[in-house]
Amino acid sequence: RSCHAQVRKCGAELLLSLMERIGVTKLAGTARAERLAHVAGKLAQDCHQDTRHYGQEMVKMLLSHQKFKMLLEQSLSTRDL
């Protein structure tokens, strides 16, 4: 996690575009699915508005898949979803 908001924003933007290209179903089958869900949840709670926006878009995408929905519920409180 970077201290600089601009670095987090660019990272979140890049991760979202990669997720859109690869697709949630394909990502769910990877070994890093749990880590991806955790990172998306953290980005959705970031203090910087732009980073938070990209994180929330990621969470919306991930919630459409049953495996990611379960992983997000484990890593975040239901209040944050």
C-alpha atoms as a PDB file:
ATOM      1  CA  ARG A   1       0.000   0.000   0.000  1.00  0.00           C
ATOM      2  CA  SER A   2       1.466   3.281  -1.119  1.00  0.00           C
ATOM      3  CA  CYS A   3       1.384   6.452   0.974  1.00  0.00           C
ATOM      4  CA  HIS A   4       0.640   8.520  -2.118  1.00  0.00           C
ATOM      5  CA  ALA A   5      -3.002   8.857  -3.124  1.00  0.00           C
ATOM      6  CA  GLN A   6      -2.150   9.366  -6.804  1.00  0.00           C
ATOM      7  CA  VAL A   7      -0.242   6.053  -6.921  1.00  0.00           C
ATOM      8  CA  ARG A   8      -3.172   4.222  -5.307  1.00  0.00           C
ATOM      9  CA  LYS A   9      -5.586   5.879  -7.760  1.00  0.00           C
ATOM     10  CA  CYS A  10      -3.536   4.844 -10.808  1.00  0.00           C
ATOM     11  CA  GLY A  11      -3.134   1.319  -9.453  1.00  0.00           C
ATOM     12  CA  ALA A  12      -6.863   1.021  -8.809  1.00  0.00           C
ATOM     13  CA  GLU A  13      -7.693   2.355 -12.266  1.00  0.00           C
ATOM     14  CA  LEU A  14      -5.314  -0.129 -13.912  1.00  0.00           C
ATOM     15  CA  LEU A  15      -6.615  -3.043 -11.846  1.00  0.00           C
ATOM     16  CA  LEU A  16     -10.216  -2.193 -12.755  1.00  0.00           C
ATOM     17  CA  SER A  17      -9.418  -2.040 -16.472  1.00  0.00           C
ATOM     18  CA  LEU A  18      -7.630  -5.406 -16.272  1.00  0.00           C
ATOM     19  CA  MET A  19     -10.569  -6.928 -14.416  1.00  0.00           C
ATOM     20  CA  GLU A  20     -12.938  -5.660 -17.109  1.00  0.00           C
ATOM     21  CA  ARG A  21     -10.756  -7.153 -19.853  1.00  0.00           C
ATOM     22  CA  ILE A  22     -10.164 -10.541 -18.212  1.00  0.00           C
ATOM     23  CA  GLY A  23     -13.630 -10.996 -16.743  1.00  0.00           C
ATOM     24  CA  VAL A  24     -14.831 -11.965 -13.286  1.00  0.00           C
ATOM     25  CA  THR A  25     -15.514 -15.609 -14.120  1.00  0.00           C
ATOM     26  CA  LYS A  26     -11.968 -16.197 -15.325  1.00  0.00           C
ATOM     27  CA  LEU A  27     -10.509 -14.368 -12.318  1.00  0.00           C
ATOM     28  CA  ALA A  28     -12.557 -16.490  -9.916  1.00  0.00           C
ATOM     29  CA  GLY A  29     -10.648 -19.564 -11.071  1.00  0.00           C
ATOM     30  CA  THR A  30      -7.231 -18.120 -10.206  1.00  0.00           C
ATOM     31  CA  ALA A  31      -5.172 -18.773  -7.104  1.00  0.00           C
ATOM     32  CA  ARG A  32      -5.201 -15.058  -6.240  1.00  0.00           C
ATOM     33  CA  ALA A  33      -8.989 -14.655  -6.147  1.00  0.00           C
ATOM     34  CA  GLU A  34      -9.040 -14.209  -2.367  1.00  0.00           C
ATOM     35  CA  ARG A  35      -6.306 -11.561  -2.489  1.00  0.00           C
ATOM     36  CA  LEU A  36      -8.095  -9.733  -5.307  1.00  0.00           C
ATOM     37  CA  ALA A  37     -11.318  -9.580  -3.294  1.00  0.00           C
ATOM     38  CA  HIS A  38      -9.422  -8.263  -0.259  1.00  0.00           C
ATOM     39  CA  VAL A  39      -7.598  -5.576  -2.275  1.00  0.00           C
ATOM     40  CA  ALA A  40     -10.795  -4.440  -4.023  1.00  0.00           C
ATOM     41  CA  GLY A  41     -12.484  -4.112  -0.642  1.00  0.00           C
ATOM     42  CA  LYS A  42      -9.603  -2.059   0.745  1.00  0.00           C
ATOM     43  CA  LEU A  43      -9.563   0.233  -2.293  1.00  0.00           C
ATOM     44  CA  ALA A  44     -13.320   0.764  -1.955  1.00  0.00           C
ATOM     45  CA  GLN A  45     -12.669   2.135   1.551  1.00  0.00           C
ATOM     46  CA  ASP A  46      -9.725   4.382   0.613  1.00  0.00           C
ATOM     47  CA  CYS A  47      -9.666   7.974   1.837  1.00  0.00           C
ATOM     48  CA  HIS A  48      -9.068   9.367  -1.681  1.00  0.00           C
ATOM     49  CA  GLN A  49     -12.324   9.814  -3.606  1.00  0.00           C
ATOM     50  CA  ASP A  50     -11.057   8.655  -7.029  1.00  0.00           C
ATOM     51  CA  THR A  51      -9.409   5.536  -5.594  1.00  0.00           C
ATOM     52  CA  ARG A  52     -12.579   4.762  -3.670  1.00  0.00           C
ATOM     53  CA  HIS A  53     -14.626   5.101  -6.876  1.00  0.00           C
ATOM     54  CA  TYR A  54     -12.487   2.555  -8.755  1.00  0.00           C
ATOM     55  CA  GLY A  55     -12.536   0.244  -5.745  1.00  0.00           C
ATOM     56  CA  GLN A  56     -16.319   0.430  -5.529  1.00  0.00           C
ATOM     57  CA  GLU A  57     -16.612  -0.366  -9.238  1.00  0.00           C
ATOM     58  CA  MET A  58     -14.412  -3.430  -8.662  1.00  0.00           C
ATOM     59  CA  VAL A  59     -16.556  -4.563  -5.742  1.00  0.00           C
ATOM     60  CA  LYS A  60     -19.719  -4.176  -7.858  1.00  0.00           C
ATOM     61  CA  MET A  61     -18.161  -6.374 -10.549  1.00  0.00           C
ATOM     62  CA  LEU A  62     -17.007  -8.979  -8.044  1.00  0.00           C
ATOM     63  CA  LEU A  63     -20.382  -9.163  -6.302  1.00  0.00           C
ATOM     64  CA  SER A  64     -21.888 -10.485  -9.527  1.00  0.00           C
ATOM     65  CA  HIS A  65     -19.950 -13.748  -9.062  1.00  0.00           C
ATOM     66  CA  GLN A  66     -20.895 -16.165  -6.259  1.00  0.00           C
ATOM     67  CA  LYS A  67     -17.297 -17.061  -5.274  1.00  0.00           C
ATOM     68  CA  PHE A  68     -16.201 -13.431  -5.054  1.00  0.00           C
ATOM     69  CA  LYS A  69     -19.363 -12.514  -3.180  1.00  0.00           C
ATOM     70  CA  MET A  70     -18.468 -15.101  -0.534  1.00  0.00           C
ATOM     71  CA  LEU A  71     -14.829 -13.904  -0.388  1.00  0.00           C
ATOM     72  CA  LEU A  72     -15.890 -10.260  -0.047  1.00  0.00           C
ATOM     73  CA  GLU A  73     -18.295 -11.119   2.755  1.00  0.00           C
ATOM     74  CA  GLN A  74     -15.426 -12.841   4.583  1.00  0.00           C
ATOM     75  CA  SER A  75     -12.919 -10.009   4.160  1.00  0.00           C
ATOM     76  CA  LEU A  76     -15.304  -7.069   4.721  1.00  0.00           C
ATOM     77  CA  SER A  77     -18.101  -6.451   7.134  1.00  0.00           C
ATOM     78  CA  THR A  78     -21.555  -6.582   5.545  1.00  0.00           C
ATOM     79  CA  ARG A  79     -21.978  -2.921   6.465  1.00  0.00           C
ATOM     80  CA  ASP A  80     -19.146  -2.061   4.031  1.00  0.00           C
ATOM     81  CA  LEU A  81     -20.685  -3.993   1.131  1.00  0.00           C
END
